Amino acid sequence: MMTSPTSGPVIVTRLAQPYVAIRCVVTMQTMSVAADRIPDVLSWAADRGVVPSGAPFFRYLVIDMEADVEIEVGVPVDRGVDGDGEVTAGVLPGGRYAVVEVTGHPDRLVEATADLLDRARDDGLVWDRVDTDRGEAWGCRLEVYPTDPREEPDMDRWRTELVFRLAD
């Protein structure tokens, strides 16, 4: 069961953060294909002595809930690096973000995200996003996964942080 936030999102200011990632184009039904790439990103970083400085994440770039979802499967790193092969390097933009932590099975994140979007709209928050012919293009929209499945096998107890950048 998902524990939904009981209050509106917390607004935080985040600094720019280097990261490495693998870009994927999936659908809502094939999202697990992207999740399966997290170990690849972590292995790439470890093989090069690049230290993760936080939990793995999905960065949603372009979202069309009925078609394709373009995402990056990534991890923040301790310093800027160059990517190679299918691993790219980038910087998550600094700025103001709305953040909500939820606990529960990943299958329920669509519901938790809808709740965040509704609460933010009610609070008058404006997202760093634009509509395009391919879907919603986001400046920075993250699902951060701080729970290590090797340490907590019960998916109903996994924590996820929804971290969405606000428009300036």
Protein backbone atom coordinates (compact mmCIF):
# COMPACT_ATOMS: atom_id res chain seq x y z
CA MET A 1 0.00 0.00 0.00
CA MET A 2 1.28 3.47 -0.85
CA THR A 3 1.61 5.99 1.91
CA SER A 4 0.52 9.23 0.28
CA PRO A 5 1.82 12.53 1.56
CA THR A 6 -0.54 14.10 4.06
CA SER A 7 0.51 17.67 3.31
CA GLY A 8 1.61 19.66 0.31
CA PRO A 9 5.11 19.31 -1.10
CA VAL A 10 8.14 20.74 0.65
CA ILE A 11 9.91 23.42 -1.41
CA VAL A 12 13.70 23.11 -1.36
CA THR A 13 16.55 24.78 -3.19
CA ARG A 14 18.97 22.33 -4.75
CA LEU A 15 22.42 23.06 -6.15
CA ALA A 16 23.43 21.84 -9.61
CA GLN A 17 24.49 18.18 -9.39
CA PRO A 18 26.70 16.20 -11.82
CA TYR A 19 25.35 12.79 -12.79
CA VAL A 20 25.80 9.89 -15.20
CA ALA A 21 22.93 8.10 -16.91
CA ILE A 22 21.66 5.82 -19.63
CA ARG A 23 18.86 7.25 -21.76
CA CYS A 24 15.86 4.99 -22.42
CA VAL A 25 12.61 5.34 -24.34
CA VAL A 26 9.92 3.17 -22.74
CA THR A 27 6.19 3.09 -22.21
CA MET A 28 4.37 3.01 -18.90
CA GLN A 29 3.99 -0.74 -19.43
CA THR A 30 7.73 -1.32 -20.10
CA MET A 31 9.16 0.92 -17.35
CA SER A 32 10.85 -2.11 -15.75
CA VAL A 33 13.23 -2.22 -18.74
CA ALA A 34 14.61 1.13 -17.58
CA ALA A 35 14.79 0.01 -13.94
CA ASP A 36 16.89 -2.95 -15.03
CA ARG A 37 19.55 -0.48 -16.26
CA ILE A 38 20.34 0.93 -12.80
CA PRO A 39 23.04 -1.73 -12.13
CA ASP A 40 24.63 -0.90 -15.51
CA VAL A 41 25.02 2.77 -14.55
CA LEU A 42 26.40 1.88 -11.12
CA SER A 43 28.86 -0.62 -12.62
CA TRP A 44 30.02 1.92 -15.21
CA ALA A 45 30.73 4.43 -12.44
CA ALA A 46 32.49 1.87 -10.23
CA ASP A 47 34.70 0.67 -13.11
CA ARG A 48 35.95 4.25 -13.55
CA GLY A 49 36.35 5.14 -9.89
CA VAL A 50 33.43 7.55 -10.02
CA VAL A 51 31.71 7.70 -6.64
CA PRO A 52 27.90 7.98 -6.47
CA SER A 53 26.92 10.89 -4.23
CA GLY A 54 23.29 9.89 -3.82
CA ALA A 55 20.62 7.37 -4.70
CA PRO A 56 19.79 6.18 -8.23
CA PHE A 57 17.02 8.04 -10.03
CA PHE A 58 14.84 8.27 -13.10
CA ARG A 59 14.93 11.66 -14.78
CA TYR A 60 11.80 12.13 -16.88
CA LEU A 61 12.68 14.17 -19.96
CA VAL A 62 9.56 13.88 -22.14
CA ILE A 63 6.33 12.25 -20.98
CA ASP A 64 3.44 11.03 -23.11
CA MET A 65 1.50 8.71 -20.80
CA GLU A 66 -0.27 7.11 -23.78
CA ALA A 67 2.88 6.56 -25.87
CA ASP A 68 6.60 6.97 -25.21
CA VAL A 69 8.33 8.17 -22.08
CA GLU A 70 11.89 9.41 -22.57
CA ILE A 71 13.91 9.03 -19.37
CA GLU A 72 17.43 8.85 -18.06
CA VAL A 73 18.34 6.16 -15.55
CA GLY A 74 21.06 7.79 -13.53
CA VAL A 75 23.01 8.37 -10.37
CA PRO A 76 24.45 11.61 -8.98
CA VAL A 77 28.26 11.56 -8.86
CA ASP A 78 30.94 13.23 -6.79
CA ARG A 79 32.42 15.17 -9.72
CA GLY A 80 31.80 16.04 -13.34
CA VAL A 81 32.98 13.30 -15.71
CA ASP A 82 32.79 12.45 -19.39
CA GLY A 83 30.42 9.72 -20.46
CA ASP A 84 31.24 7.07 -23.01
CA GLY A 85 29.29 4.52 -24.98
CA GLU A 86 25.68 4.56 -23.91
CA VAL A 87 26.47 6.29 -20.61
CA THR A 88 26.13 10.06 -20.80
CA ALA A 89 27.17 12.67 -18.28
CA GLY A 90 25.26 15.77 -17.38
CA VAL A 91 24.29 18.18 -14.63
CA LEU A 92 20.92 18.28 -12.89
CA PRO A 93 19.98 21.96 -12.79
CA GLY A 94 19.98 23.85 -9.56
CA GLY A 95 16.88 25.71 -8.49
CA ARG A 96 13.70 25.40 -6.50
CA TYR A 97 12.08 21.97 -6.33
CA ALA A 98 8.89 20.54 -4.90
CA VAL A 99 9.72 17.36 -3.00
CA VAL A 100 7.51 14.63 -1.60
CA GLU A 101 8.61 11.33 -0.08
CA VAL A 102 6.31 8.34 -0.49
CA THR A 103 6.52 4.76 0.74
CA GLY A 104 5.11 1.82 -1.17
CA HIS A 105 5.29 -0.43 -4.20
CA PRO A 106 6.66 1.29 -7.34
CA ASP A 107 3.51 0.31 -9.25
CA ARG A 108 1.65 2.93 -7.21
CA LEU A 109 3.93 5.85 -8.14
CA VAL A 110 1.57 7.05 -10.87
CA GLU A 111 -1.04 7.67 -8.16
CA ALA A 112 1.47 9.42 -5.88
CA THR A 113 2.67 11.60 -8.76
CA ALA A 114 -0.90 12.59 -9.66
CA ASP A 115 -1.42 13.54 -6.00
CA LEU A 116 1.72 15.73 -6.05
CA LEU A 117 0.66 17.42 -9.29
CA ASP A 118 -2.83 18.10 -7.91
CA ARG A 119 -1.55 19.47 -4.59
CA ALA A 120 0.98 21.69 -6.36
CA ARG A 121 -1.70 23.04 -8.70
CA ASP A 122 -3.91 23.81 -5.69
CA ASP A 123 -0.96 25.65 -4.09
CA GLY A 124 -0.37 27.69 -7.28
CA LEU A 125 3.02 26.17 -8.07
CA VAL A 126 4.26 26.31 -11.67
CA TRP A 127 6.50 23.55 -13.06
CA ASP A 128 9.62 23.84 -15.21
CA ARG A 129 7.93 22.14 -18.17
CA VAL A 130 6.51 22.84 -21.62
CA ASP A 131 4.08 21.01 -23.87
CA THR A 132 5.59 19.70 -27.11
CA ASP A 133 4.31 17.55 -29.96
CA ARG A 134 6.02 14.57 -28.25
CA GLY A 135 4.52 15.22 -24.81
CA GLU A 136 5.44 17.17 -21.67
CA ALA A 137 9.13 18.19 -21.72
CA TRP A 138 10.45 18.71 -18.18
CA GLY A 139 13.44 20.79 -17.11
CA CYS A 140 14.03 18.36 -14.24
CA ARG A 141 11.57 15.80 -12.91
CA LEU A 142 13.07 13.03 -10.80
CA GLU A 143 12.02 9.87 -9.03
CA VAL A 144 14.81 9.13 -6.57
CA TYR A 145 15.13 5.61 -5.13
CA PRO A 146 16.94 5.68 -1.77
CA THR A 147 15.87 2.15 -0.79
CA ASP A 148 18.39 -0.58 -1.66
CA PRO A 149 16.36 -3.66 -2.73
CA ARG A 150 19.17 -5.89 -1.40
CA GLU A 151 18.56 -4.48 2.08
CA GLU A 152 14.76 -4.14 1.89
CA PRO A 153 13.18 -6.84 -0.31
CA ASP A 154 9.59 -5.85 0.62
CA MET A 155 8.59 -3.50 -2.21
CA ASP A 156 5.68 -2.18 -0.13
CA ARG A 157 8.30 -0.63 2.19
CA TRP A 158 10.41 1.04 -0.50
CA ARG A 159 10.80 4.83 -0.28
CA THR A 160 10.72 7.06 -3.34
CA GLU A 161 11.32 10.79 -3.49
CA LEU A 162 9.44 12.77 -6.12
CA VAL A 163 11.60 15.80 -6.90
CA PHE A 164 10.13 18.19 -9.51
CA ARG A 165 11.75 21.49 -10.52
CA LEU A 166 9.66 24.64 -10.31
CA ALA A 167 9.70 27.36 -12.96
CA ASP A 168 11.79 30.37 -12.01
